[in-house]
Amino acid sequence: MKLRSLIRCSAKRKRNFLRSEDENTPFYDEPTGELPVVSTTDSRVTITGAEIAEEIAPDAPLIDEQTLLPHWTDAPTGAVPIVVAREAAENDDPWSQIPAPAWREGEADWVAHEDQFDASLLAGDAKTEDARPWEFVVEEEAAAEEEILDEAPRPAPVRAHRTRRTITDNPLAGRAVRSAKAQSNIVKATLTGLAMGIFAIIVFSAGTLPVAIFVLLVLAFATAEAYAALRAAGAHPATVLGIGATILLAISVYNKGQGAIGTITVLLIFFAFIWYMNAKNTIDVLDGIGATIFVYVWIGVFGSYAFLLISPISFSDKHGIAYLLGAVILTVTNDTSALFIGRWLGHRPLNRDLSPSKTIEGFLGALVMTLLSGLIILPMISPWSATHGFEVAVVLAFIIPMGDLFESMVKRTLGIKDLGHILPGMGGILDRVDGLLFTLPTMYYLAHILQLR
């Protein structure tokens, strides 16, 4: 009886603690869902063996209210979160029809969201009800084909047909090399040289106009020989356009001076573009334009300095024709001396790769003979003096072999021995004026620098 009385008393005490202060409300208040406020000053609550929450807050784990995940400062738990679309999108949002991204790791995740994505699409062409896109089975035949494809070498890329020579490690491989059997006939070369010398003297004695016509014809034939050699090597230069530009440049320089070089060059590039606009696909257009401009600069521009020398615009006293004749004499002397002295005393090649027949002994002998020609022969021509003749000879003795070696480099690249055959025993016209092409601009500038009058 005593125990039963104690239980009834305890229950009545508990009900009194939860009883509402409003007398009109029921004996027990309806649940509100709110947590009671615990205060140390509340006499109705006794806390035994516990601590106030605000006192242990720094030690309690923090929970992010939005993600419901531990705070980033807490130690990692090792758990992987699963991201799934769990909220229904609003109908008025145009993007609501697109499901949110879902993280699928196991079969349960795919089954739970199978209405958002047809997983059978990942299984193959045919859809099956029991498709398991997270599992892949590779057939033996397909695996064998993949191994064969991986081991097979990749085919070389197919390139459009080009008309130029193939690129090799040695650009001089298989090119023409002078041999004892292929050398020019010395007797024919000597007779041809004498005939050309006599003809040149007659032309220079006739005056400026015959000289201009003679030089113009030489440049035109030399240009034609160069373009023919390039065509034989597989290039496609605009031959007619290049020869026309060379002739037009010579005439323009004689009448307008040095400023015409830039004008004619720009016009050549412009018309070369028009020339190759309708070219066939098999033609290397860039190579063709390059070959056209190369020959034009090498022969047309360099050769136009002969017209600058004889033009009355450059030298009003008409001494330019004497300077041109002096350049021709020094060039012929250097070429002839290098040939004969090199054959007589030459043993060491000047440049074995470009021109094995040219020797150091021939170069030194030509140097001496060129200086003697500048000291003795040039003063016989007015207004040359021994001093000016020697000064010019010193410079040209090094410039003339450069022009000869340059032509040898071009011929080696093209794989030919001579650029022409119009001169018996000597090759083509360009083979005879290669050194003179480098001499002409040098002579023109030396005449102004040394103030030859």
Protein backbone atom coordinates (compact mmCIF):
# COMPACT_ATOMS: atom_id res chain seq x y z
CA MET A 1 0.00 0.00 0.00
CA LYS A 2 2.79 2.35 0.82
CA LEU A 3 4.52 1.75 -2.55
CA ARG A 4 1.29 2.32 -4.48
CA SER A 5 0.69 5.63 -2.71
CA LEU A 6 4.17 6.81 -3.64
CA ILE A 7 3.62 6.05 -7.35
CA ARG A 8 0.30 7.99 -7.42
CA CYS A 9 1.96 10.94 -5.75
CA SER A 10 4.84 10.96 -8.18
CA ALA A 11 2.53 10.88 -11.22
CA LYS A 12 0.43 13.69 -9.81
CA ARG A 13 3.56 15.74 -9.29
CA LYS A 14 4.68 15.24 -12.88
CA ARG A 15 1.27 16.30 -14.21
CA ASN A 16 1.41 19.42 -12.13
CA PHE A 17 4.75 20.40 -13.67
CA LEU A 18 3.35 20.09 -17.23
CA ARG A 19 0.03 21.77 -16.40
CA SER A 20 -0.81 24.97 -18.24
CA GLU A 21 -1.12 28.19 -16.30
CA ASP A 22 -4.40 28.97 -18.09
CA GLU A 23 -7.27 27.50 -16.09
CA ASN A 24 -9.54 27.30 -19.15
CA THR A 25 -7.29 24.93 -21.09
CA PRO A 26 -7.33 21.16 -20.71
CA PHE A 27 -5.37 19.50 -17.99
CA TYR A 28 -2.54 18.68 -20.41
CA ASP A 29 -1.40 21.17 -23.12
CA GLU A 30 -1.28 20.12 -26.76
CA PRO A 31 2.28 19.35 -28.05
CA THR A 32 3.85 22.33 -29.84
CA GLY A 33 6.98 20.67 -31.21
CA GLU A 34 9.23 23.25 -29.53
CA LEU A 35 12.03 22.33 -27.23
CA PRO A 36 11.67 23.56 -23.63
CA VAL A 37 14.00 26.28 -22.51
CA VAL A 38 16.24 25.06 -19.77
CA SER A 39 17.54 27.66 -17.38
CA THR A 40 19.58 27.26 -14.25
CA THR A 41 17.19 29.62 -12.45
CA ASP A 42 14.14 27.42 -13.12
CA SER A 43 13.23 25.85 -9.79
CA ARG A 44 11.12 23.21 -11.48
CA VAL A 45 14.09 21.58 -13.27
CA THR A 46 16.94 19.90 -11.57
CA ILE A 47 19.97 18.93 -13.73
CA THR A 48 22.11 16.22 -12.32
CA GLY A 49 25.35 14.98 -13.88
CA ALA A 50 25.14 17.27 -16.96
CA GLU A 51 26.68 20.51 -18.24
CA ILE A 52 25.11 23.54 -19.81
CA ALA A 53 25.11 23.27 -23.65
CA GLU A 54 26.59 26.73 -24.18
CA GLU A 55 29.49 25.82 -21.93
CA ILE A 56 30.47 22.79 -24.05
CA ALA A 57 29.64 24.37 -27.42
CA PRO A 58 33.30 24.70 -28.56
CA ASP A 59 33.77 20.94 -28.11
CA ALA A 60 30.54 19.88 -29.83
CA PRO A 61 30.61 19.03 -33.56
CA LEU A 62 29.24 21.75 -35.78
CA ILE A 63 26.57 20.91 -38.34
CA ASP A 64 26.00 22.92 -41.49
CA GLU A 65 22.31 23.93 -41.52
CA GLN A 66 22.04 23.81 -45.33
CA THR A 67 23.91 20.63 -46.21
CA LEU A 68 23.46 18.84 -42.86
CA LEU A 69 27.10 17.79 -43.17
CA PRO A 70 29.86 18.10 -40.57
CA HIS A 71 31.76 21.34 -40.59
CA TRP A 72 34.84 21.47 -42.78
CA THR A 73 37.05 21.92 -39.73
CA ASP A 74 36.04 18.50 -38.30
CA ALA A 75 38.11 15.40 -38.87
CA PRO A 76 37.17 13.39 -42.00
CA THR A 77 34.80 10.51 -41.44
CA GLY A 78 35.62 8.58 -44.63
CA ALA A 79 32.00 8.50 -45.75
CA VAL A 80 31.16 9.31 -49.40
CA PRO A 81 28.04 11.46 -49.80
CA ILE A 82 25.41 10.33 -52.27
CA VAL A 83 24.01 13.13 -54.43
CA VAL A 84 20.52 12.39 -55.70
CA ALA A 85 17.64 14.47 -56.93
CA ARG A 86 15.19 14.45 -54.02
CA GLU A 87 13.31 17.71 -54.45
CA ALA A 88 10.49 18.16 -56.89
CA ALA A 89 11.09 21.05 -59.27
CA GLU A 90 8.58 23.82 -59.61
CA ASN A 91 6.37 23.69 -62.69
CA ASP A 92 6.81 27.35 -63.57
CA ASP A 93 10.62 26.98 -63.84
CA PRO A 94 11.67 26.17 -67.47
CA TRP A 95 14.71 24.33 -66.15
CA SER A 96 12.61 22.20 -63.84
CA GLN A 97 12.13 19.52 -66.51
CA ILE A 98 15.86 18.81 -66.47
CA PRO A 99 16.64 16.44 -63.60
CA ALA A 100 19.35 17.34 -61.18
CA PRO A 101 22.60 15.36 -61.30
CA ALA A 102 22.56 12.08 -59.41
CA TRP A 103 25.47 10.12 -58.00
CA ARG A 104 25.05 6.42 -58.81
CA GLU A 105 27.36 3.86 -57.32
CA GLY A 106 25.34 0.73 -56.90
CA GLU A 107 22.34 -1.02 -58.33
CA ALA A 108 20.03 0.55 -55.76
CA ASP A 109 20.80 4.06 -56.99
CA TRP A 110 19.97 3.12 -60.59
CA VAL A 111 16.71 1.44 -59.62
CA ALA A 112 15.66 4.39 -57.44
CA HIS A 113 16.05 6.86 -60.30
CA GLU A 114 15.31 4.75 -63.35
CA ASP A 115 12.48 7.11 -64.30
CA GLN A 116 14.98 9.92 -64.91
CA PHE A 117 17.40 8.03 -67.16
CA ASP A 118 17.07 5.02 -69.39
CA ALA A 119 20.08 3.07 -68.23
CA SER A 120 19.75 0.55 -71.05
CA LEU A 121 21.16 3.10 -73.46
CA LEU A 122 24.60 2.40 -72.06
CA ALA A 123 24.34 -1.34 -72.66
CA GLY A 124 24.30 -1.34 -76.48
CA ASP A 125 22.06 -0.93 -79.47
CA ALA A 126 19.27 -3.14 -78.13
CA LYS A 127 17.45 -2.15 -74.93
CA THR A 128 16.94 -4.85 -72.36
CA GLU A 129 15.00 -4.84 -69.14
CA ASP A 130 17.84 -6.26 -67.10
CA ALA A 131 20.49 -3.91 -68.45
CA ARG A 132 23.26 -3.14 -65.96
CA PRO A 133 25.19 -0.13 -67.32
CA TRP A 134 27.70 -0.25 -64.50
CA GLU A 135 28.91 -3.63 -65.76
CA PHE A 136 30.60 -4.05 -69.16
CA VAL A 137 31.40 -7.29 -70.94
CA VAL A 138 33.89 -7.15 -73.83
CA GLU A 139 33.62 -9.97 -76.31
CA GLU A 140 36.77 -11.85 -77.22
CA GLU A 141 36.55 -10.98 -80.93
CA ALA A 142 36.17 -7.27 -80.21
CA ALA A 143 39.06 -7.37 -77.77
CA ALA A 144 41.25 -9.11 -80.36
CA GLU A 145 40.38 -6.47 -82.98
CA GLU A 146 41.28 -3.69 -80.55
CA GLU A 147 44.65 -5.30 -79.85
CA ILE A 148 45.35 -5.60 -83.59
CA LEU A 149 44.41 -1.96 -84.17
CA ASP A 150 46.66 -0.85 -81.32
CA GLU A 151 49.62 -2.84 -82.64
CA ALA A 152 49.17 -1.84 -86.29
CA PRO A 153 51.42 1.08 -87.36
CA ARG A 154 49.73 4.35 -88.19
CA PRO A 155 49.76 5.00 -91.95
CA ALA A 156 51.77 7.93 -93.24
CA PRO A 157 49.70 11.06 -93.94
CA VAL A 158 48.70 11.49 -97.57
CA ARG A 159 50.00 14.72 -99.06
CA ALA A 160 48.95 16.36 -102.28
CA HIS A 161 51.25 15.81 -105.23
CA ARG A 162 53.93 18.46 -105.56
CA THR A 163 56.12 18.99 -108.57
CA ARG A 164 59.34 19.79 -106.74
CA ARG A 165 62.07 17.33 -105.80
CA THR A 166 61.67 15.28 -102.63
CA ILE A 167 63.39 16.49 -99.49
CA THR A 168 66.45 14.48 -98.40
CA ASP A 169 68.97 14.76 -95.61
CA ASN A 170 71.67 15.64 -98.14
CA PRO A 171 70.34 18.33 -100.50
CA LEU A 172 73.38 17.85 -102.77
CA ALA A 173 72.96 14.08 -103.11
CA GLY A 174 72.77 12.93 -106.72
CA ARG A 175 73.53 16.37 -108.09
CA ALA A 176 75.89 17.21 -110.91
CA VAL A 177 79.61 17.14 -110.17
CA ARG A 178 82.26 18.27 -112.60
CA SER A 179 84.50 15.48 -113.77
CA ALA A 180 87.46 15.28 -116.11
CA LYS A 181 85.28 14.03 -118.96
CA ALA A 182 82.68 16.75 -118.50
CA GLN A 183 85.06 19.69 -118.44
CA SER A 184 84.77 22.37 -121.09
CA ASN A 185 87.01 22.30 -124.08
CA ILE A 186 89.74 24.79 -123.26
CA VAL A 187 90.42 25.61 -126.89
CA LYS A 188 86.79 26.35 -127.65
CA ALA A 189 86.41 28.34 -124.44
CA THR A 190 89.48 30.43 -125.25
CA LEU A 191 88.35 31.18 -128.79
CA THR A 192 84.83 32.03 -127.60
CA GLY A 193 86.23 34.33 -124.93
CA LEU A 194 88.43 36.19 -127.41
CA ALA A 195 85.51 36.66 -129.79
CA MET A 196 83.32 38.00 -126.99
CA GLY A 197 86.08 40.36 -125.87
CA ILE A 198 86.51 41.83 -129.33
CA PHE A 199 82.76 42.24 -129.73
CA ALA A 200 82.47 43.95 -126.34
CA ILE A 201 85.21 46.44 -127.23
CA ILE A 202 83.43 47.33 -130.46
CA VAL A 203 80.11 47.81 -128.65
CA PHE A 204 81.60 50.00 -125.92
CA SER A 205 83.34 52.09 -128.53
CA ALA A 206 80.03 52.74 -130.31
CA GLY A 207 78.50 54.63 -127.41
CA THR A 208 75.87 54.41 -124.70
CA LEU A 209 72.89 53.24 -126.76
CA PRO A 210 74.61 50.16 -128.30
CA VAL A 211 75.90 49.26 -124.84
CA ALA A 212 72.40 49.54 -123.37
CA ILE A 213 70.93 47.32 -126.09
CA PHE A 214 73.73 44.76 -125.71
CA VAL A 215 73.34 44.60 -121.92
CA LEU A 216 69.55 44.32 -122.26
CA LEU A 217 69.87 41.33 -124.58
CA VAL A 218 72.38 39.66 -122.25
CA LEU A 219 70.05 40.05 -119.28
CA ALA A 220 67.04 38.74 -121.23
CA PHE A 221 68.90 35.62 -122.42
CA ALA A 222 70.37 34.99 -118.97
CA THR A 223 66.92 35.24 -117.40
CA ALA A 224 65.49 32.82 -119.93
CA GLU A 225 68.29 30.32 -119.20
CA ALA A 226 67.66 30.50 -115.45
CA TYR A 227 63.92 29.94 -115.84
CA ALA A 228 64.52 27.02 -118.21
CA ALA A 229 66.80 25.38 -115.64
CA LEU A 230 64.19 25.82 -112.93
CA ARG A 231 61.47 24.29 -115.13
CA ALA A 232 63.74 21.32 -115.84
CA ALA A 233 64.09 20.81 -112.08
CA GLY A 234 60.30 20.67 -111.64
CA ALA A 235 59.45 24.24 -110.71
CA HIS A 236 56.80 26.32 -112.47
CA PRO A 237 58.09 29.90 -112.71
CA ALA A 238 56.19 32.54 -114.65
CA THR A 239 58.85 32.77 -117.37
CA VAL A 240 57.19 35.35 -119.60
CA LEU A 241 56.33 37.52 -116.61
CA GLY A 242 59.88 37.31 -115.22
CA ILE A 243 61.58 38.15 -118.52
CA GLY A 244 59.19 41.03 -119.11
CA ALA A 245 59.83 42.40 -115.62
CA THR A 246 63.61 42.20 -116.17
CA ILE A 247 63.43 44.14 -119.45
CA LEU A 248 60.98 46.70 -118.03
CA LEU A 249 63.19 47.21 -114.98
CA ALA A 250 66.29 47.87 -117.10
CA ILE A 251 64.49 50.49 -119.20
CA SER A 252 62.85 52.11 -116.17
CA VAL A 253 66.10 52.33 -114.23
CA TYR A 254 67.86 53.99 -117.15
CA ASN A 255 65.15 56.65 -117.44
CA LYS A 256 63.95 57.07 -113.83
CA GLY A 257 66.90 56.02 -111.71
CA GLN A 258 67.17 53.69 -108.74
CA GLY A 259 63.65 54.41 -107.48
CA ALA A 260 62.16 52.32 -110.29
CA ILE A 261 63.47 49.10 -108.69
CA GLY A 262 60.87 49.15 -105.92
CA THR A 263 58.03 50.02 -108.27
CA ILE A 264 58.74 47.23 -110.76
CA THR A 265 59.28 44.71 -107.96
CA VAL A 266 55.88 45.48 -106.42
CA LEU A 267 54.22 45.21 -109.82
CA LEU A 268 55.90 41.84 -110.42
CA ILE A 269 54.59 40.42 -107.14
CA PHE A 270 51.11 41.75 -107.87
CA PHE A 271 50.95 40.27 -111.37
CA ALA A 272 52.54 37.02 -110.17
CA PHE A 273 49.59 36.62 -107.80
CA ILE A 274 47.21 37.09 -110.73
CA TRP A 275 49.30 34.71 -112.84
CA TYR A 276 48.96 31.87 -110.33
CA MET A 277 45.35 32.51 -109.31
CA ASN A 278 44.10 29.99 -111.88
CA ALA A 279 47.00 27.56 -111.47
CA LYS A 280 46.30 23.84 -111.26
CA ASN A 281 46.22 22.18 -107.88
CA THR A 282 49.26 20.06 -108.72
CA ILE A 283 51.42 23.18 -109.17
CA ASP A 284 53.36 24.35 -106.16
CA VAL A 285 52.23 27.98 -106.34
CA LEU A 286 54.51 29.17 -103.56
CA ASP A 287 57.48 27.53 -105.21
CA GLY A 288 56.55 29.02 -108.58
CA ILE A 289 56.24 32.56 -107.23
CA GLY A 290 59.49 32.14 -105.30
CA ALA A 291 61.35 30.91 -108.39
CA THR A 292 59.99 33.80 -110.45
CA ILE A 293 61.05 36.45 -107.96
CA PHE A 294 64.39 34.77 -107.25
CA VAL A 295 65.55 34.92 -110.86
CA TYR A 296 64.17 38.44 -111.23
CA VAL A 297 66.19 39.69 -108.25
CA TRP A 298 69.33 37.73 -109.11
CA ILE A 299 69.53 38.78 -112.76
CA GLY A 300 67.04 41.62 -113.21
CA VAL A 301 67.77 43.72 -110.13
CA PHE A 302 71.52 43.03 -109.98
CA GLY A 303 71.85 43.47 -113.74
CA SER A 304 69.90 46.75 -113.70
CA TYR A 305 72.88 48.41 -112.00
CA ALA A 306 74.60 48.34 -115.38
CA PHE A 307 71.90 50.75 -116.58
CA LEU A 308 72.36 52.84 -113.45
CA LEU A 309 76.04 53.18 -114.33
CA ILE A 310 75.42 54.32 -117.91
CA SER A 311 72.35 56.41 -117.09
CA PRO A 312 72.84 60.20 -117.35
CA ILE A 313 70.83 60.51 -114.13
CA SER A 314 73.62 58.85 -112.12
CA PHE A 315 76.64 60.43 -113.83
CA SER A 316 75.94 63.62 -115.74
CA ASP A 317 79.45 63.69 -117.17
CA LYS A 318 78.77 60.32 -118.91
CA HIS A 319 81.67 58.63 -117.14
CA GLY A 320 79.42 55.78 -116.10
CA ILE A 321 80.16 53.83 -119.27
CA ALA A 322 83.88 53.92 -118.35
CA TYR A 323 83.06 52.55 -114.88
CA LEU A 324 80.98 49.77 -116.46
CA LEU A 325 83.83 48.90 -118.82
CA GLY A 326 86.26 48.85 -115.90
CA ALA A 327 83.99 46.43 -113.99
CA VAL A 328 83.80 44.16 -117.04
CA ILE A 329 87.61 44.17 -117.48
CA LEU A 330 88.26 43.29 -113.83
CA THR A 331 85.65 40.52 -113.90
CA VAL A 332 87.04 38.92 -117.06
CA THR A 333 90.58 39.14 -115.69
CA ASN A 334 89.58 37.48 -112.42
CA ASP A 335 87.61 34.66 -114.07
CA THR A 336 90.29 33.90 -116.67
CA SER A 337 93.16 34.01 -114.18
CA ALA A 338 91.36 31.77 -111.70
CA LEU A 339 90.70 29.22 -114.46
CA PHE A 340 94.22 28.96 -115.89
CA ILE A 341 96.20 29.39 -112.66
CA GLY A 342 93.91 26.93 -110.90
CA ARG A 343 94.52 24.33 -113.60
CA TRP A 344 98.24 24.96 -113.49
CA LEU A 345 98.95 25.19 -109.75
CA GLY A 346 95.67 24.34 -108.03
CA HIS A 347 95.53 21.46 -105.54
CA ARG A 348 93.35 22.61 -102.64
CA PRO A 349 89.66 23.20 -103.48
CA LEU A 350 88.19 26.54 -102.49
CA ASN A 351 84.83 24.94 -101.64
CA ARG A 352 84.67 21.20 -102.19
CA ASP A 353 80.89 20.96 -101.88
CA LEU A 354 79.91 23.80 -104.22
CA SER A 355 82.68 23.85 -106.82
CA PRO A 356 85.50 21.29 -106.53
CA SER A 357 87.25 22.70 -109.62
CA LYS A 358 87.87 26.10 -108.00
CA THR A 359 91.04 26.09 -105.93
CA ILE A 360 92.67 28.30 -103.36
CA GLU A 361 95.72 28.69 -105.60
CA GLY A 362 93.47 29.85 -108.44
CA PHE A 363 91.79 32.38 -106.13
CA LEU A 364 95.12 33.82 -104.98
CA GLY A 365 96.45 33.98 -108.55
CA ALA A 366 93.25 35.73 -109.68
CA LEU A 367 93.61 38.18 -106.81
CA VAL A 368 97.08 39.18 -107.93
CA MET A 369 96.10 39.48 -111.60
CA THR A 370 93.02 41.57 -110.73
CA LEU A 371 95.13 44.01 -108.72
CA LEU A 372 97.62 44.31 -111.58
CA SER A 373 94.79 44.93 -114.01
CA GLY A 374 93.43 47.70 -111.78
CA LEU A 375 96.88 49.32 -111.58
CA ILE A 376 97.88 49.00 -115.23
CA ILE A 377 94.88 48.59 -117.53
CA LEU A 378 92.18 50.75 -115.90
CA PRO A 379 94.27 53.96 -115.83
CA MET A 380 94.33 53.75 -119.63
CA ILE A 381 90.61 54.52 -119.62
CA SER A 382 89.46 58.03 -118.73
CA PRO A 383 88.67 59.02 -115.98
CA TRP A 384 90.24 56.03 -114.19
CA SER A 385 93.40 56.59 -112.16
CA ALA A 386 95.87 54.08 -110.77
CA THR A 387 94.73 54.79 -107.21
CA HIS A 388 91.05 54.36 -107.94
CA GLY A 389 91.74 51.33 -110.14
CA PHE A 390 93.67 49.62 -107.36
CA GLU A 391 91.07 50.44 -104.70
CA VAL A 392 88.25 49.06 -106.82
CA ALA A 393 90.30 45.99 -107.77
CA VAL A 394 90.91 45.13 -104.10
CA VAL A 395 87.18 45.01 -103.40
CA LEU A 396 86.10 43.29 -106.59
CA ALA A 397 88.77 40.58 -106.24
CA PHE A 398 86.67 39.18 -103.36
CA ILE A 399 83.23 39.97 -104.79
CA ILE A 400 83.68 38.29 -108.18
CA PRO A 401 84.39 34.77 -106.76
CA MET A 402 81.28 35.13 -104.58
CA GLY A 403 79.12 35.55 -107.67
CA ASP A 404 80.73 32.50 -109.26
CA LEU A 405 80.21 30.38 -106.13
CA PHE A 406 76.61 31.56 -105.88
CA GLU A 407 75.85 30.29 -109.36
CA SER A 408 77.62 27.02 -108.55
CA MET A 409 75.35 26.63 -105.52
CA VAL A 410 72.28 27.16 -107.68
CA LYS A 411 73.46 24.66 -110.28
CA ARG A 412 74.26 22.06 -107.62
CA THR A 413 70.80 22.51 -106.12
CA LEU A 414 69.17 22.07 -109.54
CA GLY A 415 71.40 19.12 -110.43
CA ILE A 416 72.95 20.54 -113.61
CA LYS A 417 76.48 21.42 -114.74
CA ASP A 418 75.75 24.43 -116.96
CA LEU A 419 72.73 26.69 -117.20
CA GLY A 420 72.94 26.88 -120.99
CA HIS A 421 74.82 25.81 -124.11
CA ILE A 422 74.67 28.87 -126.35
CA LEU A 423 78.42 29.61 -126.02
CA PRO A 424 80.71 26.87 -127.40
CA GLY A 425 83.00 25.48 -124.72
CA MET A 426 81.71 27.91 -122.06
CA GLY A 427 78.11 26.90 -121.42
CA GLY A 428 75.41 29.52 -121.26
CA ILE A 429 75.42 33.30 -121.03
CA LEU A 430 74.58 33.18 -117.33
CA ASP A 431 77.65 31.00 -116.77
CA ARG A 432 79.79 33.88 -118.11
CA VAL A 433 78.14 36.79 -116.32
CA ASP A 434 77.62 35.18 -112.89
CA GLY A 435 80.50 37.08 -111.34
CA LEU A 436 79.58 40.27 -113.19
CA LEU A 437 76.09 40.26 -111.61
CA PHE A 438 77.68 40.69 -108.18
CA THR A 439 80.21 43.17 -109.55
CA LEU A 440 77.71 45.66 -111.00
CA PRO A 441 76.02 46.84 -107.77
CA THR A 442 79.40 46.88 -106.01
CA MET A 443 80.90 49.03 -108.77
CA TYR A 444 77.95 51.43 -108.68
CA TYR A 445 78.26 52.09 -104.95
CA LEU A 446 82.05 52.24 -105.03
CA ALA A 447 81.85 54.93 -107.73
CA HIS A 448 79.80 57.06 -105.33
CA ILE A 449 81.78 56.21 -102.20
CA LEU A 450 85.18 56.85 -103.80
CA GLN A 451 83.75 59.85 -105.71
CA LEU A 452 85.11 58.70 -109.04
CA ARG A 453 85.06 61.66 -111.41
